[in-house]
Amino acid sequence: MLSTELTDLKTYMADNPGAVIEDVARERKVTPRAVIEALPSPMMRIGGGEHFAAVMRDIAEWGEVTLIVHTDDAIFEFTGPIPAGEIGRGYFNLMQPKGLHGHLRHERCAAVAFVERPFMSKTSAFVAFVNADGGIMFKVFVGRDETRALRGDQLARFRQLADRIAAAPEA
């Protein structure tokens, strides 16, 4: 990406931090990772993909969250606890017979982004698992309470996890 395009993207994201990441990426012909990295530095931190399993294991202890998979053709949302998982046969396997279960190609994870930003007039916080191509594998959002505020216990866990594995971007 040219420096002028990067500057334009950073300006756009500073003015529109709640923009849908995948839409901005498609419109500007950049990766979703580039869009996340263009957010103002207080809104995002990124750690290495080697932390995939540790992050997933931590999230499995948070309780009810929302996992979103956003493709060109659909947006899938699952709200509930993320099951514990383990690595085996080349996958991170979510070990649960019902609800959310499956096999994740953890080795394709190049980065884990922690994003805390405004979205649709509310604060949101999510972990984005970013693949080797700069796309988002899936996002896990901090849950909300009965007043639709972010759950304080989960937000604290989110921030502690970010502190452990993600560096703040250089300004």
N, C-alpha and C. Protein backbone atom coordinates (compact mmCIF):
# COMPACT_ATOMS: atom_id res chain seq x y z
N MET A 1 0.84 -1.16 0.00
CA MET A 1 0.00 0.00 0.00
C MET A 1 0.90 1.24 0.00
N LEU A 2 0.57 2.20 -0.85
CA LEU A 2 1.34 3.44 -0.90
C LEU A 2 1.13 4.23 0.38
N SER A 3 2.11 5.04 0.73
CA SER A 3 2.01 5.81 1.98
C SER A 3 0.81 6.76 1.95
N THR A 4 0.47 7.30 0.77
CA THR A 4 -0.70 8.19 0.70
C THR A 4 -1.99 7.41 0.93
N GLU A 5 -2.05 6.17 0.41
CA GLU A 5 -3.24 5.33 0.64
C GLU A 5 -3.35 4.96 2.11
N LEU A 6 -2.22 4.66 2.75
CA LEU A 6 -2.22 4.32 4.17
C LEU A 6 -2.66 5.54 5.00
N THR A 7 -2.14 6.70 4.66
CA THR A 7 -2.53 7.93 5.36
C THR A 7 -4.02 8.18 5.20
N ASP A 8 -4.53 8.01 3.98
CA ASP A 8 -5.97 8.19 3.73
C ASP A 8 -6.79 7.19 4.53
N LEU A 9 -6.35 5.93 4.59
CA LEU A 9 -7.07 4.91 5.35
C LEU A 9 -7.05 5.24 6.84
N LYS A 10 -5.92 5.66 7.36
CA LYS A 10 -5.83 6.02 8.78
C LYS A 10 -6.74 7.21 9.08
N THR A 11 -6.78 8.18 8.20
CA THR A 11 -7.66 9.34 8.39
C THR A 11 -9.12 8.90 8.37
N TYR A 12 -9.46 8.05 7.42
CA TYR A 12 -10.83 7.55 7.33
C TYR A 12 -11.23 6.80 8.59
N MET A 13 -10.36 5.93 9.08
CA MET A 13 -10.69 5.15 10.26
C MET A 13 -10.71 6.02 11.53
N ALA A 14 -9.91 7.05 11.58
CA ALA A 14 -9.97 7.98 12.72
C ALA A 14 -11.32 8.70 12.73
N ASP A 15 -11.81 9.05 11.53
CA ASP A 15 -13.10 9.74 11.42
C ASP A 15 -14.28 8.78 11.53
N ASN A 16 -14.07 7.50 11.21
CA ASN A 16 -15.14 6.50 11.17
C ASN A 16 -14.71 5.21 11.88
N PRO A 17 -14.36 5.28 13.15
CA PRO A 17 -13.83 4.08 13.82
C PRO A 17 -14.83 2.94 13.93
N GLY A 18 -16.11 3.23 13.77
CA GLY A 18 -17.13 2.20 13.86
C GLY A 18 -17.51 1.60 12.51
N ALA A 19 -16.77 1.94 11.47
CA ALA A 19 -17.07 1.40 10.14
C ALA A 19 -16.89 -0.12 10.16
N VAL A 20 -17.68 -0.82 9.35
CA VAL A 20 -17.57 -2.27 9.26
C VAL A 20 -16.24 -2.59 8.57
N ILE A 21 -15.38 -3.27 9.28
CA ILE A 21 -14.02 -3.53 8.81
C ILE A 21 -14.01 -4.21 7.45
N GLU A 22 -14.82 -5.24 7.28
CA GLU A 22 -14.83 -5.97 6.02
C GLU A 22 -15.33 -5.10 4.86
N ASP A 23 -16.28 -4.21 5.12
CA ASP A 23 -16.78 -3.31 4.07
C ASP A 23 -15.70 -2.32 3.65
N VAL A 24 -15.01 -1.74 4.62
CA VAL A 24 -13.93 -0.80 4.31
C VAL A 24 -12.84 -1.51 3.51
N ALA A 25 -12.49 -2.71 3.91
CA ALA A 25 -11.46 -3.47 3.19
C ALA A 25 -11.86 -3.70 1.73
N ARG A 26 -13.10 -4.11 1.53
CA ARG A 26 -13.58 -4.37 0.17
C ARG A 26 -13.60 -3.09 -0.66
N GLU A 27 -14.12 -2.01 -0.08
CA GLU A 27 -14.23 -0.74 -0.81
C GLU A 27 -12.86 -0.16 -1.17
N ARG A 28 -11.90 -0.33 -0.29
CA ARG A 28 -10.58 0.27 -0.50
C ARG A 28 -9.56 -0.71 -1.09
N LYS A 29 -10.02 -1.95 -1.31
CA LYS A 29 -9.16 -2.98 -1.90
C LYS A 29 -7.90 -3.22 -1.06
N VAL A 30 -8.12 -3.37 0.24
CA VAL A 30 -7.06 -3.71 1.18
C VAL A 30 -7.54 -4.87 2.02
N THR A 31 -6.68 -5.42 2.84
CA THR A 31 -7.08 -6.52 3.71
C THR A 31 -7.78 -5.99 4.96
N PRO A 32 -8.62 -6.82 5.56
CA PRO A 32 -9.20 -6.42 6.85
C PRO A 32 -8.11 -6.11 7.89
N ARG A 33 -7.00 -6.84 7.84
CA ARG A 33 -5.91 -6.54 8.78
C ARG A 33 -5.43 -5.10 8.61
N ALA A 34 -5.28 -4.66 7.36
CA ALA A 34 -4.85 -3.28 7.12
C ALA A 34 -5.84 -2.29 7.72
N VAL A 35 -7.12 -2.59 7.64
CA VAL A 35 -8.14 -1.71 8.21
C VAL A 35 -8.01 -1.67 9.73
N ILE A 36 -7.85 -2.84 10.35
CA ILE A 36 -7.68 -2.88 11.81
C ILE A 36 -6.44 -2.08 12.21
N GLU A 37 -5.35 -2.28 11.49
CA GLU A 37 -4.11 -1.58 11.81
C GLU A 37 -4.21 -0.08 11.58
N ALA A 38 -5.18 0.36 10.78
CA ALA A 38 -5.38 1.79 10.52
C ALA A 38 -6.23 2.47 11.59
N LEU A 39 -6.83 1.69 12.48
CA LEU A 39 -7.60 2.29 13.57
C LEU A 39 -6.67 3.13 14.45
N PRO A 40 -7.20 4.16 15.11
CA PRO A 40 -6.37 4.92 16.04
C PRO A 40 -5.73 3.98 17.07
N SER A 41 -4.47 4.22 17.39
CA SER A 41 -3.72 3.28 18.23
C SER A 41 -4.37 2.96 19.57
N PRO A 42 -5.09 3.86 20.22
CA PRO A 42 -5.71 3.44 21.49
C PRO A 42 -6.82 2.40 21.31
N MET A 43 -7.28 2.19 20.09
CA MET A 43 -8.40 1.29 19.83
C MET A 43 -7.98 -0.13 19.48
N MET A 44 -6.68 -0.36 19.21
CA MET A 44 -6.30 -1.71 18.80
C MET A 44 -4.88 -2.05 19.23
N ARG A 45 -4.71 -3.35 19.46
CA ARG A 45 -3.39 -3.93 19.73
C ARG A 45 -3.35 -5.27 19.01
N ILE A 46 -2.16 -5.66 18.58
CA ILE A 46 -2.02 -6.91 17.82
C ILE A 46 -0.89 -7.76 18.39
N GLY A 47 -1.20 -9.05 18.57
CA GLY A 47 -0.21 -10.03 18.99
C GLY A 47 -0.04 -11.07 17.90
N GLY A 48 0.93 -11.91 18.05
CA GLY A 48 1.24 -12.93 17.05
C GLY A 48 0.24 -14.08 17.04
N GLY A 49 0.12 -14.70 15.89
CA GLY A 49 -0.79 -15.83 15.71
C GLY A 49 -0.42 -17.05 16.53
N GLU A 50 0.82 -17.12 17.00
CA GLU A 50 1.23 -18.26 17.83
C GLU A 50 0.46 -18.30 19.15
N HIS A 51 -0.25 -17.23 19.47
CA HIS A 51 -1.04 -17.16 20.70
C HIS A 51 -2.46 -17.68 20.52
N PHE A 52 -2.79 -18.17 19.32
CA PHE A 52 -4.16 -18.61 19.02
C PHE A 52 -4.74 -19.51 20.11
N ALA A 53 -4.08 -20.61 20.42
CA ALA A 53 -4.63 -21.59 21.37
C ALA A 53 -4.77 -20.98 22.75
N ALA A 54 -3.78 -20.22 23.20
CA ALA A 54 -3.86 -19.61 24.52
C ALA A 54 -5.02 -18.63 24.61
N VAL A 55 -5.23 -17.86 23.55
CA VAL A 55 -6.34 -16.89 23.54
C VAL A 55 -7.67 -17.64 23.55
N MET A 56 -7.80 -18.67 22.73
CA MET A 56 -9.06 -19.43 22.70
C MET A 56 -9.34 -20.08 24.05
N ARG A 57 -8.31 -20.60 24.70
CA ARG A 57 -8.51 -21.23 26.02
C ARG A 57 -8.96 -20.20 27.05
N ASP A 58 -8.41 -19.01 26.97
CA ASP A 58 -8.82 -17.95 27.90
C ASP A 58 -10.27 -17.56 27.63
N ILE A 59 -10.62 -17.35 26.38
CA ILE A 59 -11.98 -16.96 26.01
C ILE A 59 -12.99 -18.03 26.46
N ALA A 60 -12.59 -19.29 26.44
CA ALA A 60 -13.49 -20.37 26.86
C ALA A 60 -13.91 -20.22 28.32
N GLU A 61 -13.21 -19.41 29.09
CA GLU A 61 -13.54 -19.19 30.49
C GLU A 61 -14.38 -17.93 30.73
N TRP A 62 -14.69 -17.18 29.70
CA TRP A 62 -15.38 -15.90 29.85
C TRP A 62 -16.89 -16.02 30.05
N GLY A 63 -17.47 -17.11 29.62
CA GLY A 63 -18.93 -17.22 29.66
C GLY A 63 -19.51 -16.84 28.31
N GLU A 64 -20.72 -16.32 28.31
CA GLU A 64 -21.44 -16.03 27.06
C GLU A 64 -20.82 -14.86 26.32
N VAL A 65 -20.41 -15.12 25.08
CA VAL A 65 -19.84 -14.13 24.17
C VAL A 65 -20.56 -14.29 22.83
N THR A 66 -20.20 -13.45 21.88
CA THR A 66 -20.73 -13.61 20.53
C THR A 66 -19.57 -13.82 19.57
N LEU A 67 -19.61 -14.93 18.85
CA LEU A 67 -18.62 -15.24 17.83
C LEU A 67 -19.24 -14.92 16.48
N ILE A 68 -18.52 -14.18 15.66
CA ILE A 68 -19.03 -13.78 14.34
C ILE A 68 -18.05 -14.21 13.25
N VAL A 69 -18.60 -14.83 12.22
CA VAL A 69 -17.86 -15.15 11.00
C VAL A 69 -18.52 -14.33 9.89
N HIS A 70 -17.74 -13.41 9.29
CA HIS A 70 -18.26 -12.49 8.29
C HIS A 70 -17.59 -12.81 6.95
N THR A 71 -18.38 -13.31 6.00
CA THR A 71 -17.87 -13.59 4.66
C THR A 71 -18.56 -12.66 3.67
N ASP A 72 -18.18 -12.76 2.41
CA ASP A 72 -18.85 -11.96 1.38
C ASP A 72 -20.32 -12.34 1.24
N ASP A 73 -20.66 -13.55 1.64
CA ASP A 73 -22.00 -14.07 1.41
C ASP A 73 -22.90 -14.15 2.64
N ALA A 74 -22.32 -14.06 3.82
CA ALA A 74 -23.14 -14.21 5.02
C ALA A 74 -22.39 -13.69 6.24
N ILE A 75 -23.16 -13.40 7.27
CA ILE A 75 -22.60 -13.08 8.58
C ILE A 75 -23.24 -14.06 9.55
N PHE A 76 -22.42 -14.96 10.08
CA PHE A 76 -22.90 -15.95 11.04
C PHE A 76 -22.58 -15.45 12.44
N GLU A 77 -23.55 -15.54 13.34
CA GLU A 77 -23.36 -15.14 14.73
C GLU A 77 -23.76 -16.29 15.64
N PHE A 78 -22.92 -16.54 16.62
CA PHE A 78 -23.21 -17.53 17.65
C PHE A 78 -23.05 -16.84 18.98
N THR A 79 -24.08 -16.87 19.81
CA THR A 79 -23.99 -16.30 21.15
C THR A 79 -24.10 -17.43 22.16
N GLY A 80 -23.10 -17.52 23.01
CA GLY A 80 -23.03 -18.56 24.02
C GLY A 80 -21.60 -18.71 24.45
N PRO A 81 -21.33 -19.64 25.34
CA PRO A 81 -19.94 -19.86 25.75
C PRO A 81 -19.16 -20.56 24.65
N ILE A 82 -17.91 -20.18 24.51
CA ILE A 82 -17.00 -20.85 23.58
C ILE A 82 -16.50 -22.10 24.29
N PRO A 83 -16.60 -23.25 23.67
CA PRO A 83 -16.14 -24.47 24.34
C PRO A 83 -14.61 -24.52 24.43
N ALA A 84 -14.13 -25.28 25.40
CA ALA A 84 -12.70 -25.51 25.51
C ALA A 84 -12.23 -26.26 24.26
N GLY A 85 -10.99 -26.09 23.93
CA GLY A 85 -10.47 -26.78 22.76
C GLY A 85 -9.06 -27.28 22.99
N GLU A 86 -8.63 -28.09 22.05
CA GLU A 86 -7.28 -28.64 22.11
C GLU A 86 -6.76 -28.87 20.70
N ILE A 87 -5.45 -28.85 20.58
CA ILE A 87 -4.82 -29.06 19.28
C ILE A 87 -4.66 -30.56 19.05
N GLY A 88 -5.06 -31.00 17.86
CA GLY A 88 -4.91 -32.39 17.47
C GLY A 88 -5.16 -32.56 15.99
N ARG A 89 -4.36 -33.36 15.35
CA ARG A 89 -4.50 -33.68 13.92
C ARG A 89 -4.51 -32.43 13.04
N GLY A 90 -3.72 -31.45 13.42
CA GLY A 90 -3.57 -30.25 12.60
C GLY A 90 -4.63 -29.18 12.81
N TYR A 91 -5.49 -29.34 13.77
CA TYR A 91 -6.55 -28.37 14.03
C TYR A 91 -6.63 -28.04 15.51
N PHE A 92 -7.22 -26.88 15.81
CA PHE A 92 -7.65 -26.57 17.16
C PHE A 92 -9.10 -27.01 17.20
N ASN A 93 -9.37 -28.06 17.95
CA ASN A 93 -10.68 -28.70 17.95
C ASN A 93 -11.53 -28.20 19.12
N LEU A 94 -12.70 -27.68 18.80
CA LEU A 94 -13.65 -27.27 19.82
C LEU A 94 -14.44 -28.51 20.20
N MET A 95 -14.21 -28.96 21.41
CA MET A 95 -14.70 -30.27 21.85
C MET A 95 -16.03 -30.14 22.58
N GLN A 96 -17.10 -30.21 21.83
CA GLN A 96 -18.43 -30.13 22.42
C GLN A 96 -19.39 -30.81 21.44
N PRO A 97 -20.30 -31.65 21.92
CA PRO A 97 -21.17 -32.36 20.99
C PRO A 97 -22.31 -31.51 20.41
N LYS A 98 -22.72 -30.46 21.12
CA LYS A 98 -23.81 -29.60 20.64
C LYS A 98 -23.39 -28.15 20.77
N GLY A 99 -24.18 -27.27 20.16
CA GLY A 99 -23.82 -25.87 20.19
C GLY A 99 -22.64 -25.63 19.26
N LEU A 100 -21.79 -24.71 19.63
CA LEU A 100 -20.62 -24.41 18.80
C LEU A 100 -19.58 -25.52 18.94
N HIS A 101 -19.22 -26.11 17.83
CA HIS A 101 -18.14 -27.08 17.80
C HIS A 101 -17.54 -27.07 16.40
N GLY A 102 -16.36 -27.61 16.27
CA GLY A 102 -15.72 -27.63 14.96
C GLY A 102 -14.22 -27.72 15.07
N HIS A 103 -13.56 -27.48 13.95
CA HIS A 103 -12.12 -27.67 13.83
C HIS A 103 -11.55 -26.43 13.15
N LEU A 104 -10.65 -25.76 13.83
CA LEU A 104 -10.11 -24.49 13.36
C LEU A 104 -8.66 -24.66 12.92
N ARG A 105 -8.34 -24.11 11.78
CA ARG A 105 -6.97 -24.21 11.26
C ARG A 105 -6.09 -23.16 11.94
N HIS A 106 -5.72 -23.43 13.16
CA HIS A 106 -4.99 -22.49 13.99
C HIS A 106 -3.65 -22.07 13.39
N GLU A 107 -3.03 -22.92 12.62
CA GLU A 107 -1.73 -22.60 12.04
C GLU A 107 -1.83 -21.51 10.97
N ARG A 108 -3.04 -21.26 10.48
CA ARG A 108 -3.24 -20.17 9.51
C ARG A 108 -3.38 -18.81 10.19
N CYS A 109 -3.47 -18.81 11.50
CA CYS A 109 -3.61 -17.55 12.24
C CYS A 109 -2.26 -16.85 12.31
N ALA A 110 -2.21 -15.66 11.71
CA ALA A 110 -0.97 -14.87 11.69
C ALA A 110 -0.94 -13.81 12.78
N ALA A 111 -2.12 -13.44 13.29
CA ALA A 111 -2.18 -12.39 14.30
C ALA A 111 -3.49 -12.50 15.07
N VAL A 112 -3.43 -11.97 16.28
CA VAL A 112 -4.62 -11.87 17.11
C VAL A 112 -4.75 -10.39 17.47
N ALA A 113 -5.83 -9.76 17.01
CA ALA A 113 -6.04 -8.33 17.24
C ALA A 113 -7.07 -8.13 18.34
N PHE A 114 -6.81 -7.17 19.19
CA PHE A 114 -7.72 -6.78 20.26
C PHE A 114 -8.22 -5.39 19.92
N VAL A 115 -9.51 -5.28 19.64
CA VAL A 115 -10.09 -4.02 19.17
C VAL A 115 -11.16 -3.56 20.15
N GLU A 116 -11.03 -2.32 20.57
CA GLU A 116 -12.01 -1.70 21.46
C GLU A 116 -12.35 -0.35 20.84
N ARG A 117 -13.58 -0.23 20.35
CA ARG A 117 -13.95 0.95 19.58
C ARG A 117 -15.45 1.18 19.66
N PRO A 118 -15.89 2.37 19.23
CA PRO A 118 -17.34 2.60 19.16
C PRO A 118 -17.91 1.86 17.94
N PHE A 119 -19.12 1.34 18.11
CA PHE A 119 -19.81 0.69 17.00
C PHE A 119 -21.31 0.84 17.23
N MET A 120 -22.00 1.44 16.28
CA MET A 120 -23.45 1.65 16.36
C MET A 120 -23.85 2.30 17.69
N SER A 121 -23.17 3.38 18.02
CA SER A 121 -23.44 4.21 19.20
C SER A 121 -23.15 3.52 20.53
N LYS A 122 -22.42 2.42 20.53
CA LYS A 122 -22.04 1.74 21.76
C LYS A 122 -20.56 1.36 21.67
N THR A 123 -19.95 1.19 22.83
CA THR A 123 -18.59 0.69 22.85
C THR A 123 -18.62 -0.81 22.57
N SER A 124 -17.70 -1.27 21.76
CA SER A 124 -17.59 -2.70 21.51
C SER A 124 -16.14 -3.12 21.74
N ALA A 125 -15.97 -4.38 22.05
CA ALA A 125 -14.63 -4.94 22.24
C ALA A 125 -14.63 -6.35 21.66
N PHE A 126 -13.66 -6.63 20.81
CA PHE A 126 -13.59 -7.97 20.22
C PHE A 126 -12.17 -8.39 19.96
N VAL A 127 -12.01 -9.69 19.88
CA VAL A 127 -10.74 -10.31 19.49
C VAL A 127 -10.94 -10.79 18.07
N ALA A 128 -10.07 -10.35 17.17
CA ALA A 128 -10.12 -10.80 15.77
C ALA A 128 -8.93 -11.72 15.51
N PHE A 129 -9.23 -12.90 15.01
CA PHE A 129 -8.19 -13.85 14.63
C PHE A 129 -7.93 -13.62 13.15
N VAL A 130 -6.73 -13.17 12.82
CA VAL A 130 -6.38 -12.74 11.47
C VAL A 130 -5.54 -13.81 10.79
N ASN A 131 -5.95 -14.21 9.59
CA ASN A 131 -5.23 -15.28 8.91
C ASN A 131 -4.00 -14.77 8.15
N ALA A 132 -3.28 -15.70 7.57
CA ALA A 132 -2.03 -15.40 6.88
C ALA A 132 -2.23 -14.51 5.65
N ASP A 133 -3.46 -14.43 5.15
CA ASP A 133 -3.76 -13.59 3.99
C ASP A 133 -4.23 -12.20 4.39
N GLY A 134 -4.31 -11.93 5.70
CA GLY A 134 -4.79 -10.63 6.17
C GLY A 134 -6.30 -10.58 6.35
N GLY A 135 -6.97 -11.72 6.15
CA GLY A 135 -8.42 -11.79 6.36
C GLY A 135 -8.73 -12.13 7.80
N ILE A 136 -9.96 -11.91 8.18
CA ILE A 136 -10.38 -12.24 9.54
C ILE A 136 -11.02 -13.62 9.52
N MET A 137 -10.43 -14.53 10.29
CA MET A 137 -10.97 -15.89 10.40
C MET A 137 -12.33 -15.83 11.10
N PHE A 138 -12.35 -15.15 12.24
CA PHE A 138 -13.58 -14.92 13.01
C PHE A 138 -13.25 -13.92 14.10
N LYS A 139 -14.31 -13.38 14.71
CA LYS A 139 -14.17 -12.43 15.81
C LYS A 139 -14.96 -12.95 16.99
N VAL A 140 -14.46 -12.67 18.19
CA VAL A 140 -15.18 -13.00 19.41
C VAL A 140 -15.40 -11.69 20.17
N PHE A 141 -16.67 -11.36 20.36
CA PHE A 141 -17.04 -10.10 21.01
C PHE A 141 -17.29 -10.30 22.50
N VAL A 142 -16.82 -9.37 23.30
CA VAL A 142 -17.14 -9.32 24.72
C VAL A 142 -18.65 -9.24 24.83
N GLY A 143 -19.22 -10.02 25.74
CA GLY A 143 -20.67 -10.07 25.91
C GLY A 143 -21.24 -8.80 26.53
N ARG A 144 -22.56 -8.72 26.48
CA ARG A 144 -23.27 -7.57 27.04
C ARG A 144 -24.20 -8.03 28.15
N ASP A 145 -24.45 -7.13 29.08
CA ASP A 145 -25.35 -7.45 30.18
C ASP A 145 -26.79 -7.08 29.80
N GLU A 146 -27.69 -7.16 30.76
CA GLU A 146 -29.11 -6.90 30.49
C GLU A 146 -29.38 -5.46 30.08
N THR A 147 -28.47 -4.52 30.35
CA THR A 147 -28.65 -3.13 29.92
C THR A 147 -27.94 -2.86 28.60
N ARG A 148 -27.37 -3.90 27.99
CA ARG A 148 -26.63 -3.84 26.72
C ARG A 148 -25.24 -3.21 26.86
N ALA A 149 -24.78 -3.04 28.10
CA ALA A 149 -23.42 -2.57 28.36
C ALA A 149 -22.47 -3.77 28.29
N LEU A 150 -21.22 -3.50 27.96
CA LEU A 150 -20.24 -4.57 27.95
C LEU A 150 -20.11 -5.15 29.35
N ARG A 151 -20.02 -6.47 29.42
CA ARG A 151 -19.86 -7.12 30.73
C ARG A 151 -18.50 -6.76 31.30
N GLY A 152 -18.51 -6.18 32.47
CA GLY A 152 -17.28 -5.70 33.10
C GLY A 152 -16.26 -6.79 33.35
N ASP A 153 -16.72 -7.97 33.78
CA ASP A 153 -15.79 -9.06 34.05
C ASP A 153 -15.08 -9.51 32.77
N GLN A 154 -15.84 -9.59 31.67
CA GLN A 154 -15.24 -10.00 30.40
C GLN A 154 -14.33 -8.92 29.84
N LEU A 155 -14.72 -7.66 29.98
CA LEU A 155 -13.89 -6.57 29.49
C LEU A 155 -12.55 -6.56 30.23
N ALA A 156 -12.58 -6.83 31.51
CA ALA A 156 -11.34 -6.92 32.29
C ALA A 156 -10.48 -8.07 31.77
N ARG A 157 -11.08 -9.23 31.52
CA ARG A 157 -10.33 -10.38 30.98
C ARG A 157 -9.76 -10.04 29.60
N PHE A 158 -10.57 -9.41 28.75
CA PHE A 158 -10.15 -8.98 27.41
C PHE A 158 -8.90 -8.11 27.52
N ARG A 159 -8.93 -7.10 28.38
CA ARG A 159 -7.81 -6.17 28.51
C ARG A 159 -6.58 -6.85 29.10
N GLN A 160 -6.78 -7.75 30.07
CA GLN A 160 -5.65 -8.48 30.65
C GLN A 160 -4.99 -9.37 29.60
N LEU A 161 -5.81 -10.02 28.80
CA LEU A 161 -5.28 -10.88 27.73
C LEU A 161 -4.51 -10.05 26.71
N ALA A 162 -5.06 -8.91 26.33
CA ALA A 162 -4.36 -8.01 25.40
C ALA A 162 -3.03 -7.55 25.99
N ASP A 163 -3.03 -7.23 27.28
CA ASP A 163 -1.79 -6.80 27.93
C ASP A 163 -0.73 -7.89 27.88
N ARG A 164 -1.14 -9.14 28.00
CA ARG A 164 -0.20 -10.26 28.01
C ARG A 164 0.41 -10.54 26.64
N ILE A 165 -0.41 -10.45 25.60
CA ILE A 165 0.12 -10.95 24.31
C ILE A 165 0.20 -9.93 23.18
N ALA A 166 -0.35 -8.75 23.35
CA ALA A 166 -0.39 -7.81 22.23
C ALA A 166 0.35 -6.53 22.56
N ALA A 167 1.10 -6.08 21.61
CA ALA A 167 1.82 -4.82 21.76
C ALA A 167 0.96 -3.67 21.27
N ALA A 168 1.09 -2.54 21.92
CA ALA A 168 0.42 -1.33 21.44
C ALA A 168 1.14 -0.89 20.17
N PRO A 169 0.40 -0.41 19.18
CA PRO A 169 1.05 0.01 17.93
C PRO A 169 1.87 1.27 18.16
N GLU A 170 2.84 1.44 17.31
CA GLU A 170 3.64 2.67 17.38
C GLU A 170 2.83 3.79 16.77
N ALA A 171 2.89 4.93 17.42
CA ALA A 171 2.10 6.09 16.96
C ALA A 171 2.70 6.73 15.74
